């Protein structure tokens, strides 16, 4: 796979993860509004989640899973852009300036990008 193909694929994965996360967050907001409505009607706090038709444990698990999926996709996308930049001759300082971060953080991001790419490739 070329660097360009990897970049395109990583952007698409990040967008898909973003869409899934956004959809879930909207569903969570709807549940939150139902919980508020139940509380305003006098439903006891421990029963407000059930009154909203939601399962608190499942909401927490699915939110964490989708956040993790989005974060992984974001890291893969960053790796797909950082590594070709380094391979193309950009210095760590230049990468830091391009990303608006310190040279130390840019160095860490390059190291993480290499680790992410190694994980994705295996």
Protein backbone atom coordinates (compact mmCIF):
# COMPACT_ATOMS: atom_id res chain seq x y z
CA UNK A 1 0.00 0.00 0.00
CA UNK A 2 1.38 3.41 -0.91
CA UNK A 3 1.62 6.29 1.57
CA UNK A 4 -1.15 8.07 -0.34
CA UNK A 5 -3.44 5.03 -0.19
CA UNK A 6 -2.69 4.63 3.54
CA UNK A 7 -3.52 8.31 4.12
CA UNK A 8 -6.81 8.03 2.23
CA UNK A 9 -7.76 4.84 4.05
CA UNK A 10 -6.91 6.35 7.44
CA UNK A 11 -9.00 9.47 6.73
CA UNK A 12 -11.93 7.28 5.71
CA UNK A 13 -11.59 5.16 8.88
CA UNK A 14 -11.45 8.27 11.03
CA UNK A 15 -14.54 9.69 9.36
CA UNK A 16 -16.43 6.41 9.85
CA UNK A 17 -15.45 6.32 13.53
CA UNK A 18 -16.52 9.97 13.85
CA UNK A 19 -19.93 9.26 12.32
CA UNK A 20 -20.50 6.27 14.62
CA UNK A 21 -19.42 8.24 17.69
CA UNK A 22 -21.57 11.25 16.74
CA UNK A 23 -24.62 9.01 16.22
CA UNK A 24 -24.09 7.38 19.60
CA UNK A 25 -23.62 10.74 21.34
CA UNK A 26 -26.89 11.99 19.86
CA UNK A 27 -28.63 8.87 21.16
CA UNK A 28 -27.05 9.45 24.57
CA UNK A 29 -28.30 13.05 24.55
CA UNK A 30 -31.82 11.81 23.82
CA UNK A 31 -31.54 9.44 26.77
CA UNK A 32 -30.27 12.30 28.92
CA UNK A 33 -33.25 14.45 27.98
CA UNK A 34 -35.59 11.57 28.89
CA UNK A 35 -33.82 11.18 32.23
CA UNK A 36 -34.22 14.90 32.95
CA UNK A 37 -37.89 14.69 32.06
CA UNK A 38 -38.32 11.70 34.37
CA UNK A 39 -36.53 13.51 37.20
CA UNK A 40 -38.70 16.59 36.71
CA UNK A 41 -41.77 14.35 36.99
CA UNK A 42 -40.50 13.14 40.35
CA UNK A 43 -39.03 9.79 39.35
CA UNK A 44 -36.33 8.85 41.91
CA UNK A 45 -32.76 9.37 40.69
CA UNK A 46 -31.83 5.64 40.73
CA UNK A 47 -34.86 4.90 38.53
CA UNK A 48 -34.38 7.76 36.08
CA UNK A 49 -32.07 5.79 33.75
CA UNK A 50 -34.53 2.92 33.46
CA UNK A 51 -37.36 5.43 33.00
CA UNK A 52 -35.48 6.76 29.96
CA UNK A 53 -35.45 3.30 28.43
CA UNK A 54 -31.66 3.16 28.61
CA UNK A 55 -29.27 0.63 30.08
CA UNK A 56 -26.60 2.58 31.97
CA UNK A 57 -24.00 -0.19 31.74
CA UNK A 58 -24.49 -0.59 28.00
CA UNK A 59 -24.38 3.19 27.44
CA UNK A 60 -21.08 3.39 29.30
CA UNK A 61 -19.56 0.40 27.48
CA UNK A 62 -20.63 1.51 24.04
CA UNK A 63 -19.49 5.09 24.66
CA UNK A 64 -16.06 3.87 25.79
CA UNK A 65 -15.77 1.48 22.84
CA UNK A 66 -16.67 4.17 20.30
CA UNK A 67 -14.33 6.72 21.90
CA UNK A 68 -11.51 4.16 21.78
CA UNK A 69 -12.31 3.34 18.13
CA UNK A 70 -12.22 7.05 17.24
CA UNK A 71 -8.97 7.62 19.11
CA UNK A 72 -7.31 4.66 17.40
CA UNK A 73 -8.46 5.86 13.98
CA UNK A 74 -7.13 9.35 14.78
CA UNK A 75 -3.74 7.93 15.79
CA UNK A 76 -3.59 5.85 12.62
CA UNK A 77 -4.42 8.92 10.54
CA UNK A 78 -1.75 10.98 12.28
CA UNK A 79 0.78 8.19 11.67
CA UNK A 80 -0.20 8.06 8.00
CA UNK A 81 0.72 11.73 7.67
CA UNK A 82 3.66 12.06 10.06
CA UNK A 83 5.78 9.16 8.86
CA UNK A 84 5.88 10.15 5.17
CA UNK A 85 6.76 13.67 6.31
CA UNK A 86 9.73 12.37 8.30
CA UNK A 87 10.72 10.01 5.49
CA UNK A 88 10.45 12.95 3.09
CA UNK A 89 13.03 14.89 5.05
CA UNK A 90 10.99 17.02 7.47
CA UNK A 91 12.74 17.54 10.76
CA UNK A 92 11.06 16.91 14.11
CA UNK A 93 11.08 20.68 14.65
CA UNK A 94 9.31 21.27 11.32
CA UNK A 95 6.71 18.66 12.16
CA UNK A 96 6.19 20.30 15.53
CA UNK A 97 5.70 23.69 13.91
CA UNK A 98 3.31 22.22 11.32
CA UNK A 99 1.22 20.60 14.07
CA UNK A 100 1.53 23.56 16.42
CA UNK A 101 3.23 21.52 19.15
CA UNK A 102 6.63 21.51 20.84
CA UNK A 103 9.58 19.68 19.34
CA UNK A 104 9.47 17.28 22.30
CA UNK A 105 5.82 16.44 21.65
CA UNK A 106 6.49 16.13 17.92
CA UNK A 107 9.26 13.65 18.70
CA UNK A 108 6.87 11.62 20.84
CA UNK A 109 4.23 11.75 18.08
CA UNK A 110 6.73 10.43 15.54
CA UNK A 111 7.66 7.60 17.91
CA UNK A 112 3.96 6.82 18.51
CA UNK A 113 3.29 6.98 14.77
CA UNK A 114 5.96 4.34 14.17
CA UNK A 115 4.47 2.16 16.91
CA UNK A 116 0.93 2.65 15.55
CA UNK A 117 1.99 1.77 12.03
CA UNK A 118 3.81 -1.33 13.29
CA UNK A 119 0.65 -2.40 15.15
CA UNK A 120 -1.61 -1.75 12.17
CA UNK A 121 0.76 -3.55 9.79
CA UNK A 122 0.84 -6.70 11.94
